[in-house]
Amino acid sequence: MVQLVSHQEELANIGIAVAGMTYDATKVLADFHAAENLNYPLLRDQDAQHVTALGIRSEEYEEGHRAYGIPHPGVIFLDGEGVIRAKYAVPGYRQRPPFDALVEHLRGLVASGS
């Protein structure tokens, strides 16, 4: 999520608003938001409902494990109608999608109206 900060202005310039989402507790989100001085909202995905529905939940952890519901790191691009136009999720938690290439792809999607 912190990587988004370095690309947020560039994304805003092409008309994309940024938000982060995690299954962490509200207090954890608030503390992280303040500590990292993020200038975009963090949303709580209670019980990993959205992560599961989007098909990006890590299969590494079974139900009952404290990390169950953790998503593959990634980015979802929704258009103004809430339709998913692109989904990038990288298996494992140590890697992130290549943001420079991601921004260029999103720029193309926005330009084409997709």
PDB file of N, CA and C in Angstrom:
ATOM      1  N   MET A   1       0.816  -1.198   0.000  1.00  0.00           N
ATOM      2  CA  MET A   1       0.000   0.000   0.000  1.00  0.00           C
ATOM      3  C   MET A   1       0.855   1.256   0.000  1.00  0.00           C
ATOM      4  N   VAL A   2       2.008   1.154   0.605  1.00  0.00           N
ATOM      5  CA  VAL A   2       2.877   2.316   0.680  1.00  0.00           C
ATOM      6  C   VAL A   2       3.396   2.680  -0.715  1.00  0.00           C
ATOM      7  N   GLN A   3       3.560   1.678  -1.597  1.00  0.00           N
ATOM      8  CA  GLN A   3       4.003   1.954  -2.964  1.00  0.00           C
ATOM      9  C   GLN A   3       3.035   2.873  -3.692  1.00  0.00           C
ATOM     10  N   LEU A   4       1.773   2.789  -3.367  1.00  0.00           N
ATOM     11  CA  LEU A   4       0.778   3.634  -4.030  1.00  0.00           C
ATOM     12  C   LEU A   4       1.054   5.112  -3.810  1.00  0.00           C
ATOM     13  N   VAL A   5       1.623   5.464  -2.668  1.00  0.00           N
ATOM     14  CA  VAL A   5       1.901   6.868  -2.359  1.00  0.00           C
ATOM     15  C   VAL A   5       2.797   7.478  -3.427  1.00  0.00           C
ATOM     16  N   SER A   6       3.828   6.738  -3.841  1.00  0.00           N
ATOM     17  CA  SER A   6       4.769   7.291  -4.810  1.00  0.00           C
ATOM     18  C   SER A   6       4.164   7.432  -6.205  1.00  0.00           C
ATOM     19  N   HIS A   7       3.058   6.766  -6.457  1.00  0.00           N
ATOM     20  CA  HIS A   7       2.412   6.843  -7.769  1.00  0.00           C
ATOM     21  C   HIS A   7       1.057   7.541  -7.710  1.00  0.00           C
ATOM     22  N   GLN A   8       0.643   7.966  -6.531  1.00  0.00           N
ATOM     23  CA  GLN A   8      -0.691   8.535  -6.376  1.00  0.00           C
ATOM     24  C   GLN A   8      -0.901   9.789  -7.220  1.00  0.00           C
ATOM     25  N   GLU A   9       0.070  10.688  -7.233  1.00  0.00           N
ATOM     26  CA  GLU A   9      -0.083  11.925  -8.010  1.00  0.00           C
ATOM     27  C   GLU A   9      -0.180  11.607  -9.502  1.00  0.00           C
ATOM     28  N   GLU A  10       0.647  10.694  -9.957  1.00  0.00           N
ATOM     29  CA  GLU A  10       0.615  10.299 -11.363  1.00  0.00           C
ATOM     30  C   GLU A  10      -0.737   9.683 -11.724  1.00  0.00           C
ATOM     31  N   LEU A  11      -1.264   8.843 -10.843  1.00  0.00           N
ATOM     32  CA  LEU A  11      -2.576   8.240 -11.073  1.00  0.00           C
ATOM     33  C   LEU A  11      -3.673   9.306 -11.060  1.00  0.00           C
ATOM     34  N   ALA A  12      -3.578  10.240 -10.135  1.00  0.00           N
ATOM     35  CA  ALA A  12      -4.570  11.327 -10.068  1.00  0.00           C
ATOM     36  C   ALA A  12      -4.557  12.153 -11.346  1.00  0.00           C
ATOM     37  N   ASN A  13      -3.371  12.353 -11.914  1.00  0.00           N
ATOM     38  CA  ASN A  13      -3.258  13.132 -13.145  1.00  0.00           C
ATOM     39  C   ASN A  13      -3.956  12.476 -14.331  1.00  0.00           C
ATOM     40  N   ILE A  14      -4.151  11.155 -14.274  1.00  0.00           N
ATOM     41  CA  ILE A  14      -4.881  10.486 -15.355  1.00  0.00           C
ATOM     42  C   ILE A  14      -6.316  10.159 -14.944  1.00  0.00           C
ATOM     43  N   GLY A  15      -6.731  10.689 -13.786  1.00  0.00           N
ATOM     44  CA  GLY A  15      -8.123  10.550 -13.366  1.00  0.00           C
ATOM     45  C   GLY A  15      -8.439   9.358 -12.500  1.00  0.00           C
ATOM     46  N   ILE A  16      -7.435   8.796 -11.833  1.00  0.00           N
ATOM     47  CA  ILE A  16      -7.648   7.616 -10.989  1.00  0.00           C
ATOM     48  C   ILE A  16      -7.465   7.980  -9.522  1.00  0.00           C
ATOM     49  N   ALA A  17      -8.485   7.701  -8.718  1.00  0.00           N
ATOM     50  CA  ALA A  17      -8.404   7.885  -7.271  1.00  0.00           C
ATOM     51  C   ALA A  17      -7.881   6.592  -6.646  1.00  0.00           C
ATOM     52  N   VAL A  18      -7.136   6.711  -5.578  1.00  0.00           N
ATOM     53  CA  VAL A  18      -6.498   5.577  -4.918  1.00  0.00           C
ATOM     54  C   VAL A  18      -7.154   5.318  -3.570  1.00  0.00           C
ATOM     55  N   ALA A  19      -7.319   4.034  -3.238  1.00  0.00           N
ATOM     56  CA  ALA A  19      -7.750   3.600  -1.909  1.00  0.00           C
ATOM     57  C   ALA A  19      -7.069   2.261  -1.641  1.00  0.00           C
ATOM     58  N   GLY A  20      -6.799   1.974  -0.393  1.00  0.00           N
ATOM     59  CA  GLY A  20      -6.229   0.690  -0.010  1.00  0.00           C
ATOM     60  C   GLY A  20      -7.283  -0.131   0.701  1.00  0.00           C
ATOM     61  N   MET A  21      -7.109  -1.460   0.704  1.00  0.00           N
ATOM     62  CA  MET A  21      -8.076  -2.312   1.391  1.00  0.00           C
ATOM     63  C   MET A  21      -7.335  -3.483   2.026  1.00  0.00           C
ATOM     64  N   THR A  22      -7.717  -3.785   3.264  1.00  0.00           N
ATOM     65  CA  THR A  22      -7.149  -4.912   3.980  1.00  0.00           C
ATOM     66  C   THR A  22      -8.181  -5.449   4.966  1.00  0.00           C
ATOM     67  N   TYR A  23      -7.948  -6.627   5.451  1.00  0.00           N
ATOM     68  CA  TYR A  23      -8.876  -7.230   6.408  1.00  0.00           C
ATOM     69  C   TYR A  23      -8.538  -6.868   7.850  1.00  0.00           C
ATOM     70  N   ASP A  24      -7.501  -6.075   8.054  1.00  0.00           N
ATOM     71  CA  ASP A  24      -7.089  -5.713   9.412  1.00  0.00           C
ATOM     72  C   ASP A  24      -8.183  -4.970  10.166  1.00  0.00           C
ATOM     73  N   ALA A  25      -8.090  -5.010  11.481  1.00  0.00           N
ATOM     74  CA  ALA A  25      -9.060  -4.322  12.342  1.00  0.00           C
ATOM     75  C   ALA A  25      -8.991  -2.814  12.117  1.00  0.00           C
ATOM     76  N   THR A  26     -10.076  -2.143  12.393  1.00  0.00           N
ATOM     77  CA  THR A  26     -10.182  -0.704  12.179  1.00  0.00           C
ATOM     78  C   THR A  26      -9.073   0.058  12.885  1.00  0.00           C
ATOM     79  N   LYS A  27      -8.753  -0.305  14.127  1.00  0.00           N
ATOM     80  CA  LYS A  27      -7.686   0.384  14.860  1.00  0.00           C
ATOM     81  C   LYS A  27      -6.340   0.177  14.186  1.00  0.00           C
ATOM     82  N   VAL A  28      -6.074  -1.031  13.726  1.00  0.00           N
ATOM     83  CA  VAL A  28      -4.820  -1.315  13.029  1.00  0.00           C
ATOM     84  C   VAL A  28      -4.727  -0.447  11.773  1.00  0.00           C
ATOM     85  N   LEU A  29      -5.824  -0.354  11.039  1.00  0.00           N
ATOM     86  CA  LEU A  29      -5.850   0.487   9.833  1.00  0.00           C
ATOM     87  C   LEU A  29      -5.580   1.949  10.181  1.00  0.00           C
ATOM     88  N   ALA A  30      -6.245   2.444  11.219  1.00  0.00           N
ATOM     89  CA  ALA A  30      -6.073   3.842  11.620  1.00  0.00           C
ATOM     90  C   ALA A  30      -4.636   4.117  12.052  1.00  0.00           C
ATOM     91  N   ASP A  31      -4.056   3.204  12.819  1.00  0.00           N
ATOM     92  CA  ASP A  31      -2.674   3.377  13.272  1.00  0.00           C
ATOM     93  C   ASP A  31      -1.702   3.348  12.097  1.00  0.00           C
ATOM     94  N   PHE A  32      -1.905   2.423  11.170  1.00  0.00           N
ATOM     95  CA  PHE A  32      -1.033   2.320   9.996  1.00  0.00           C
ATOM     96  C   PHE A  32      -1.166   3.574   9.132  1.00  0.00           C
ATOM     97  N   HIS A  33      -2.401   4.015   8.929  1.00  0.00           N
ATOM     98  CA  HIS A  33      -2.669   5.208   8.124  1.00  0.00           C
ATOM     99  C   HIS A  33      -1.930   6.413   8.700  1.00  0.00           C
ATOM    100  N   ALA A  34      -1.984   6.576  10.007  1.00  0.00           N
ATOM    101  CA  ALA A  34      -1.315   7.700  10.660  1.00  0.00           C
ATOM    102  C   ALA A  34       0.205   7.543  10.618  1.00  0.00           C
ATOM    103  N   ALA A  35       0.700   6.349  10.901  1.00  0.00           N
ATOM    104  CA  ALA A  35       2.144   6.123  10.945  1.00  0.00           C
ATOM    105  C   ALA A  35       2.797   6.330   9.579  1.00  0.00           C
ATOM    106  N   GLU A  36       2.105   5.937   8.524  1.00  0.00           N
ATOM    107  CA  GLU A  36       2.655   6.059   7.174  1.00  0.00           C
ATOM    108  C   GLU A  36       2.279   7.381   6.519  1.00  0.00           C
ATOM    109  N   ASN A  37       1.455   8.172   7.218  1.00  0.00           N
ATOM    110  CA  ASN A  37       1.016   9.469   6.701  1.00  0.00           C
ATOM    111  C   ASN A  37       0.413   9.342   5.301  1.00  0.00           C
ATOM    112  N   LEU A  38      -0.457   8.354   5.137  1.00  0.00           N
ATOM    113  CA  LEU A  38      -1.094   8.119   3.846  1.00  0.00           C
ATOM    114  C   LEU A  38      -2.119   9.207   3.562  1.00  0.00           C
ATOM    115  N   ASN A  39      -2.227   9.603   2.319  1.00  0.00           N
ATOM    116  CA  ASN A  39      -3.218  10.612   1.964  1.00  0.00           C
ATOM    117  C   ASN A  39      -4.296  10.025   1.065  1.00  0.00           C
ATOM    118  N   TYR A  40      -4.568   8.749   1.250  1.00  0.00           N
ATOM    119  CA  TYR A  40      -5.694   8.095   0.589  1.00  0.00           C
ATOM    120  C   TYR A  40      -6.380   7.198   1.620  1.00  0.00           C
ATOM    121  N   PRO A  41      -7.654   6.890   1.404  1.00  0.00           N
ATOM    122  CA  PRO A  41      -8.381   6.101   2.403  1.00  0.00           C
ATOM    123  C   PRO A  41      -7.963   4.635   2.428  1.00  0.00           C
ATOM    124  N   LEU A  42      -8.072   4.044   3.615  1.00  0.00           N
ATOM    125  CA  LEU A  42      -7.898   2.610   3.790  1.00  0.00           C
ATOM    126  C   LEU A  42      -9.259   2.031   4.138  1.00  0.00           C
ATOM    127  N   LEU A  43      -9.657   1.011   3.420  1.00  0.00           N
ATOM    128  CA  LEU A  43     -10.955   0.382   3.617  1.00  0.00           C
ATOM    129  C   LEU A  43     -10.766  -0.966   4.296  1.00  0.00           C
ATOM    130  N   ARG A  44     -11.734  -1.336   5.111  1.00  0.00           N
ATOM    131  CA  ARG A  44     -11.663  -2.617   5.821  1.00  0.00           C
ATOM    132  C   ARG A  44     -12.517  -3.646   5.105  1.00  0.00           C
ATOM    133  N   ASP A  45     -11.910  -4.747   4.763  1.00  0.00           N
ATOM    134  CA  ASP A  45     -12.603  -5.856   4.108  1.00  0.00           C
ATOM    135  C   ASP A  45     -12.906  -6.907   5.164  1.00  0.00           C
ATOM    136  N   GLN A  46     -13.979  -6.678   5.899  1.00  0.00           N
ATOM    137  CA  GLN A  46     -14.326  -7.558   7.011  1.00  0.00           C
ATOM    138  C   GLN A  46     -14.541  -8.985   6.515  1.00  0.00           C
ATOM    139  N   ASP A  47     -13.921  -9.919   7.194  1.00  0.00           N
ATOM    140  CA  ASP A  47     -13.996 -11.349   6.882  1.00  0.00           C
ATOM    141  C   ASP A  47     -13.514 -11.666   5.470  1.00  0.00           C
ATOM    142  N   ALA A  48     -12.715 -10.771   4.875  1.00  0.00           N
ATOM    143  CA  ALA A  48     -12.130 -10.962   3.542  1.00  0.00           C
ATOM    144  C   ALA A  48     -13.195 -11.258   2.484  1.00  0.00           C
ATOM    145  N   GLN A  49     -14.368 -10.660   2.638  1.00  0.00           N
ATOM    146  CA  GLN A  49     -15.468 -10.896   1.694  1.00  0.00           C
ATOM    147  C   GLN A  49     -15.107 -10.459   0.278  1.00  0.00           C
ATOM    148  N   HIS A  50     -14.537  -9.270   0.145  1.00  0.00           N
ATOM    149  CA  HIS A  50     -14.209  -8.755  -1.187  1.00  0.00           C
ATOM    150  C   HIS A  50     -13.022  -9.502  -1.791  1.00  0.00           C
ATOM    151  N   VAL A  51     -12.022  -9.783  -0.973  1.00  0.00           N
ATOM    152  CA  VAL A  51     -10.848 -10.515  -1.437  1.00  0.00           C
ATOM    153  C   VAL A  51     -11.269 -11.869  -1.990  1.00  0.00           C
ATOM    154  N   THR A  52     -12.162 -12.548  -1.303  1.00  0.00           N
ATOM    155  CA  THR A  52     -12.639 -13.857  -1.755  1.00  0.00           C
ATOM    156  C   THR A  52     -13.462 -13.715  -3.033  1.00  0.00           C
ATOM    157  N   ALA A  53     -14.374 -12.755  -3.059  1.00  0.00           N
ATOM    158  CA  ALA A  53     -15.221 -12.547  -4.239  1.00  0.00           C
ATOM    159  C   ALA A  53     -14.391 -12.176  -5.469  1.00  0.00           C
ATOM    160  N   LEU A  54     -13.305 -11.445  -5.281  1.00  0.00           N
ATOM    161  CA  LEU A  54     -12.450 -11.030  -6.391  1.00  0.00           C
ATOM    162  C   LEU A  54     -11.474 -12.126  -6.831  1.00  0.00           C
ATOM    163  N   GLY A  55     -11.411 -13.210  -6.064  1.00  0.00           N
ATOM    164  CA  GLY A  55     -10.528 -14.317  -6.424  1.00  0.00           C
ATOM    165  C   GLY A  55      -9.059 -14.023  -6.211  1.00  0.00           C
ATOM    166  N   ILE A  56      -8.754 -13.181  -5.209  1.00  0.00           N
ATOM    167  CA  ILE A  56      -7.351 -12.838  -4.961  1.00  0.00           C
ATOM    168  C   ILE A  56      -6.891 -13.242  -3.561  1.00  0.00           C
ATOM    169  N   ARG A  57      -7.680 -14.055  -2.873  1.00  0.00           N
ATOM    170  CA  ARG A  57      -7.293 -14.517  -1.537  1.00  0.00           C
ATOM    171  C   ARG A  57      -6.167 -15.534  -1.673  1.00  0.00           C
ATOM    172  N   SER A  58      -5.136 -15.377  -0.839  1.00  0.00           N
ATOM    173  CA  SER A  58      -4.024 -16.314  -0.835  1.00  0.00           C
ATOM    174  C   SER A  58      -4.514 -17.682  -0.371  1.00  0.00           C
ATOM    175  N   GLU A  59      -4.163 -18.695  -1.135  1.00  0.00           N
ATOM    176  CA  GLU A  59      -4.552 -20.071  -0.802  1.00  0.00           C
ATOM    177  C   GLU A  59      -3.591 -20.680   0.203  1.00  0.00           C
ATOM    178  N   GLU A  60      -2.571 -19.938   0.585  1.00  0.00           N
ATOM    179  CA  GLU A  60      -1.521 -20.426   1.471  1.00  0.00           C
ATOM    180  C   GLU A  60      -2.037 -20.701   2.890  1.00  0.00           C
ATOM    181  N   TYR A  61      -3.093 -19.989   3.302  1.00  0.00           N
ATOM    182  CA  TYR A  61      -3.589 -20.099   4.678  1.00  0.00           C
ATOM    183  C   TYR A  61      -5.012 -20.639   4.687  1.00  0.00           C
ATOM    184  N   GLU A  62      -5.226 -21.609   5.554  1.00  0.00           N
ATOM    185  CA  GLU A  62      -6.556 -22.213   5.649  1.00  0.00           C
ATOM    186  C   GLU A  62      -7.412 -21.464   6.659  1.00  0.00           C
ATOM    187  N   GLU A  63      -8.710 -21.646   6.537  1.00  0.00           N
ATOM    188  CA  GLU A  63      -9.641 -21.011   7.469  1.00  0.00           C
ATOM    189  C   GLU A  63      -9.259 -21.402   8.887  1.00  0.00           C
ATOM    190  N   GLY A  64      -9.277 -20.425   9.791  1.00  0.00           N
ATOM    191  CA  GLY A  64      -8.877 -20.641  11.168  1.00  0.00           C
ATOM    192  C   GLY A  64      -7.466 -20.124  11.443  1.00  0.00           C
ATOM    193  N   HIS A  65      -6.629 -20.056  10.425  1.00  0.00           N
ATOM    194  CA  HIS A  65      -5.283 -19.495  10.572  1.00  0.00           C
ATOM    195  C   HIS A  65      -5.416 -17.981  10.709  1.00  0.00           C
ATOM    196  N   ARG A  66      -4.561 -17.349  11.502  1.00  0.00           N
ATOM    197  CA  ARG A  66      -4.686 -15.900  11.718  1.00  0.00           C
ATOM    198  C   ARG A  66      -4.476 -15.094  10.443  1.00  0.00           C
ATOM    199  N   ALA A  67      -3.800 -15.658   9.446  1.00  0.00           N
ATOM    200  CA  ALA A  67      -3.567 -14.951   8.185  1.00  0.00           C
ATOM    201  C   ALA A  67      -4.594 -15.328   7.110  1.00  0.00           C
ATOM    202  N   TYR A  68      -5.581 -16.151   7.479  1.00  0.00           N
ATOM    203  CA  TYR A  68      -6.615 -16.510   6.501  1.00  0.00           C
ATOM    204  C   TYR A  68      -7.314 -15.237   6.017  1.00  0.00           C
ATOM    205  N   GLY A  69      -7.453 -15.108   4.737  1.00  0.00           N
ATOM    206  CA  GLY A  69      -8.101 -13.938   4.155  1.00  0.00           C
ATOM    207  C   GLY A  69      -7.134 -12.935   3.594  1.00  0.00           C
ATOM    208  N   ILE A  70      -5.842 -13.169   3.827  1.00  0.00           N
ATOM    209  CA  ILE A  70      -4.861 -12.243   3.276  1.00  0.00           C
ATOM    210  C   ILE A  70      -4.883 -12.374   1.751  1.00  0.00           C
ATOM    211  N   PRO A  71      -4.886 -11.255   1.059  1.00  0.00           N
ATOM    212  CA  PRO A  71      -4.920 -11.332  -0.406  1.00  0.00           C
ATOM    213  C   PRO A  71      -3.518 -11.426  -0.995  1.00  0.00           C
ATOM    214  N   HIS A  72      -3.472 -11.829  -2.252  1.00  0.00           N
ATOM    215  CA  HIS A  72      -2.251 -11.658  -3.013  1.00  0.00           C
ATOM    216  C   HIS A  72      -2.102 -10.149  -3.194  1.00  0.00           C
ATOM    217  N   PRO A  73      -0.898  -9.600  -3.039  1.00  0.00           N
ATOM    218  CA  PRO A  73      -0.714  -8.162  -3.232  1.00  0.00           C
ATOM    219  C   PRO A  73      -1.129  -7.774  -4.646  1.00  0.00           C
ATOM    220  N   GLY A  74      -1.806  -6.676  -4.765  1.00  0.00           N
ATOM    221  CA  GLY A  74      -2.210  -6.277  -6.098  1.00  0.00           C
ATOM    222  C   GLY A  74      -3.003  -4.997  -6.148  1.00  0.00           C
ATOM    223  N   VAL A  75      -3.537  -4.761  -7.328  1.00  0.00           N
ATOM    224  CA  VAL A  75      -4.301  -3.556  -7.615  1.00  0.00           C
ATOM    225  C   VAL A  75      -5.527  -3.953  -8.418  1.00  0.00           C
ATOM    226  N   ILE A  76      -6.656  -3.364  -8.063  1.00  0.00           N
ATOM    227  CA  ILE A  76      -7.902  -3.557  -8.808  1.00  0.00           C
ATOM    228  C   ILE A  76      -8.279  -2.192  -9.371  1.00  0.00           C
ATOM    229  N   PHE A  77      -8.626  -2.139 -10.642  1.00  0.00           N
ATOM    230  CA  PHE A  77      -9.036  -0.891 -11.265  1.00  0.00           C
ATOM    231  C   PHE A  77     -10.513  -0.978 -11.601  1.00  0.00           C
ATOM    232  N   LEU A  78     -11.305  -0.124 -10.931  1.00  0.00           N
ATOM    233  CA  LEU A  78     -12.745  -0.060 -11.166  1.00  0.00           C
ATOM    234  C   LEU A  78     -13.050   1.211 -11.938  1.00  0.00           C
ATOM    235  N   ASP A  79     -13.972   1.100 -12.882  1.00  0.00           N
ATOM    236  CA  ASP A  79     -14.369   2.308 -13.601  1.00  0.00           C
ATOM    237  C   ASP A  79     -15.401   3.071 -12.779  1.00  0.00           C
ATOM    238  N   GLY A  80     -15.898   4.167 -13.305  1.00  0.00           N
ATOM    239  CA  GLY A  80     -16.861   5.006 -12.594  1.00  0.00           C
ATOM    240  C   GLY A  80     -18.170   4.321 -12.261  1.00  0.00           C
ATOM    241  N   GLU A  81     -18.456   3.220 -12.930  1.00  0.00           N
ATOM    242  CA  GLU A  81     -19.678   2.458 -12.672  1.00  0.00           C
ATOM    243  C   GLU A  81     -19.445   1.303 -11.704  1.00  0.00           C
ATOM    244  N   GLY A  82     -18.196   1.149 -11.242  1.00  0.00           N
ATOM    245  CA  GLY A  82     -17.870   0.068 -10.315  1.00  0.00           C
ATOM    246  C   GLY A  82     -17.551  -1.251 -10.993  1.00  0.00           C
ATOM    247  N   VAL A  83     -17.356  -1.234 -12.316  1.00  0.00           N
ATOM    248  CA  VAL A  83     -17.015  -2.444 -13.066  1.00  0.00           C
ATOM    249  C   VAL A  83     -15.507  -2.641 -13.030  1.00  0.00           C
ATOM    250  N   ILE A  84     -15.074  -3.859 -12.741  1.00  0.00           N
ATOM    251  CA  ILE A  84     -13.646  -4.163 -12.722  1.00  0.00           C
ATOM    252  C   ILE A  84     -13.132  -4.156 -14.159  1.00  0.00           C
ATOM    253  N   ARG A  85     -12.172  -3.278 -14.429  1.00  0.00           N
ATOM    254  CA  ARG A  85     -11.573  -3.172 -15.764  1.00  0.00           C
ATOM    255  C   ARG A  85     -10.188  -3.806 -15.826  1.00  0.00           C
ATOM    256  N   ALA A  86      -9.548  -3.973 -14.684  1.00  0.00           N
ATOM    257  CA  ALA A  86      -8.247  -4.621 -14.643  1.00  0.00           C
ATOM    258  C   ALA A  86      -8.003  -5.131 -13.230  1.00  0.00           C
ATOM    259  N   LYS A  87      -7.306  -6.255 -13.143  1.00  0.00           N
ATOM    260  CA  LYS A  87      -6.984  -6.846 -11.839  1.00  0.00           C
ATOM    261  C   LYS A  87      -5.567  -7.392 -11.933  1.00  0.00           C
ATOM    262  N   TYR A  88      -4.720  -6.945 -11.023  1.00  0.00           N
ATOM    263  CA  TYR A  88      -3.341  -7.392 -10.961  1.00  0.00           C
ATOM    264  C   TYR A  88      -3.118  -7.933  -9.561  1.00  0.00           C
ATOM    265  N   ALA A  89      -2.839  -9.203  -9.443  1.00  0.00           N
ATOM    266  CA  ALA A  89      -2.564  -9.797  -8.137  1.00  0.00           C
ATOM    267  C   ALA A  89      -1.379 -10.743  -8.289  1.00  0.00           C
ATOM    268  N   VAL A  90      -0.382 -10.561  -7.444  1.00  0.00           N
ATOM    269  CA  VAL A  90       0.850 -11.327  -7.519  1.00  0.00           C
ATOM    270  C   VAL A  90       0.867 -12.329  -6.363  1.00  0.00           C
ATOM    271  N   PRO A  91       0.938 -13.651  -6.660  1.00  0.00           N
ATOM    272  CA  PRO A  91       1.007 -14.633  -5.577  1.00  0.00           C
ATOM    273  C   PRO A  91       2.192 -14.367  -4.653  1.00  0.00           C
ATOM    274  N   GLY A  92       1.977 -14.614  -3.374  1.00  0.00           N
ATOM    275  CA  GLY A  92       3.008 -14.366  -2.368  1.00  0.00           C
ATOM    276  C   GLY A  92       2.892 -12.942  -1.858  1.00  0.00           C
ATOM    277  N   TYR A  93       3.417 -12.685  -0.693  1.00  0.00           N
ATOM    278  CA  TYR A  93       3.270 -11.353  -0.108  1.00  0.00           C
ATOM    279  C   TYR A  93       4.529 -10.503  -0.246  1.00  0.00           C
ATOM    280  N   ARG A  94       5.613 -11.068  -0.706  1.00  0.00           N
ATOM    281  CA  ARG A  94       6.874 -10.328  -0.762  1.00  0.00           C
ATOM    282  C   ARG A  94       7.042  -9.522  -2.048  1.00  0.00           C
ATOM    283  N   GLN A  95       6.274  -9.837  -3.067  1.00  0.00           N
ATOM    284  CA  GLN A  95       6.406  -9.134  -4.335  1.00  0.00           C
ATOM    285  C   GLN A  95       5.179  -8.271  -4.575  1.00  0.00           C
ATOM    286  N   ARG A  96       5.348  -7.273  -5.400  1.00  0.00           N
ATOM    287  CA  ARG A  96       4.264  -6.384  -5.776  1.00  0.00           C
ATOM    288  C   ARG A  96       4.240  -6.292  -7.295  1.00  0.00           C
ATOM    289  N   PRO A  97       3.112  -5.950  -7.874  1.00  0.00           N
ATOM    290  CA  PRO A  97       3.116  -5.750  -9.330  1.00  0.00           C
ATOM    291  C   PRO A  97       4.085  -4.628  -9.687  1.00  0.00           C
ATOM    292  N   PRO A  98       4.672  -4.682 -10.872  1.00  0.00           N
ATOM    293  CA  PRO A  98       5.574  -3.595 -11.292  1.00  0.00           C
ATOM    294  C   PRO A  98       4.771  -2.319 -11.543  1.00  0.00           C
ATOM    295  N   PHE A  99       4.867  -1.347 -10.650  1.00  0.00           N
ATOM    296  CA  PHE A  99       3.994  -0.179 -10.689  1.00  0.00           C
ATOM    297  C   PHE A  99       4.195   0.706 -11.912  1.00  0.00           C
ATOM    298  N   ASP A 100       5.407   0.816 -12.418  1.00  0.00           N
ATOM    299  CA  ASP A 100       5.601   1.646 -13.610  1.00  0.00           C
ATOM    300  C   ASP A 100       4.806   1.080 -14.784  1.00  0.00           C
ATOM    301  N   ALA A 101       4.896  -0.224 -14.998  1.00  0.00           N
ATOM    302  CA  ALA A 101       4.144  -0.869 -16.080  1.00  0.00           C
ATOM    303  C   ALA A 101       2.649  -0.802 -15.797  1.00  0.00           C
ATOM    304  N   LEU A 102       2.277  -0.971 -14.546  1.00  0.00           N
ATOM    305  CA  LEU A 102       0.877  -0.894 -14.151  1.00  0.00           C
ATOM    306  C   LEU A 102       0.282   0.479 -14.465  1.00  0.00           C
ATOM    307  N   VAL A 103       1.000   1.540 -14.132  1.00  0.00           N
ATOM    308  CA  VAL A 103       0.514   2.901 -14.393  1.00  0.00           C
ATOM    309  C   VAL A 103       0.346   3.117 -15.891  1.00  0.00           C
ATOM    310  N   GLU A 104       1.280   2.641 -16.670  1.00  0.00           N
ATOM    311  CA  GLU A 104       1.166   2.804 -18.128  1.00  0.00           C
ATOM    312  C   GLU A 104      -0.044   2.053 -18.674  1.00  0.00           C
ATOM    313  N   HIS A 105      -0.288   0.863 -18.167  1.00  0.00           N
ATOM    314  CA  HIS A 105      -1.454   0.091 -18.605  1.00  0.00           C
ATOM    315  C   HIS A 105      -2.747   0.807 -18.214  1.00  0.00           C
ATOM    316  N   LEU A 106      -2.804   1.305 -16.989  1.00  0.00           N
ATOM    317  CA  LEU A 106      -3.990   2.036 -16.543  1.00  0.00           C
ATOM    318  C   LEU A 106      -4.186   3.312 -17.362  1.00  0.00           C
ATOM    319  N   ARG A 107      -3.102   3.983 -17.695  1.00  0.00           N
ATOM    320  CA  ARG A 107      -3.183   5.181 -18.537  1.00  0.00           C
ATOM    321  C   ARG A 107      -3.862   4.825 -19.877  1.00  0.00           C
ATOM    322  N   GLY A 108      -3.475   3.690 -20.445  1.00  0.00           N
ATOM    323  CA  GLY A 108      -4.091   3.237 -21.693  1.00  0.00           C
ATOM    324  C   GLY A 108      -5.555   2.920 -21.540  1.00  0.00           C
ATOM    325  N   LEU A 109      -5.918   2.283 -20.425  1.00  0.00           N
ATOM    326  CA  LEU A 109      -7.323   1.966 -20.185  1.00  0.00           C
ATOM    327  C   LEU A 109      -8.171   3.226 -20.049  1.00  0.00           C
ATOM    328  N   VAL A 110      -7.649   4.199 -19.320  1.00  0.00           N
ATOM    329  CA  VAL A 110      -8.375   5.450 -19.127  1.00  0.00           C
ATOM    330  C   VAL A 110      -8.522   6.181 -20.459  1.00  0.00           C
ATOM    331  N   ALA A 111      -7.450   6.215 -21.234  1.00  0.00           N
ATOM    332  CA  ALA A 111      -7.475   6.913 -22.517  1.00  0.00           C
ATOM    333  C   ALA A 111      -8.454   6.284 -23.501  1.00  0.00           C
ATOM    334  N   SER A 112      -8.567   4.949 -23.415  1.00  0.00           N
ATOM    335  CA  SER A 112      -9.462   4.257 -24.348  1.00  0.00           C
ATOM    336  C   SER A 112     -10.905   4.212 -23.848  1.00  0.00           C
ATOM    337  N   GLY A 113     -11.108   4.645 -22.606  1.00  0.00           N
ATOM    338  CA  GLY A 113     -12.458   4.611 -22.033  1.00  0.00           C
ATOM    339  C   GLY A 113     -12.869   3.252 -21.539  1.00  0.00           C
ATOM    340  N   SER A 114     -11.932   2.305 -21.452  1.00  0.00           N
ATOM    341  CA  SER A 114     -12.241   0.953 -20.982  1.00  0.00           C
ATOM    342  C   SER A 114     -12.291   0.862 -19.480  1.00  0.00           C
TER     343      SER A 114
END
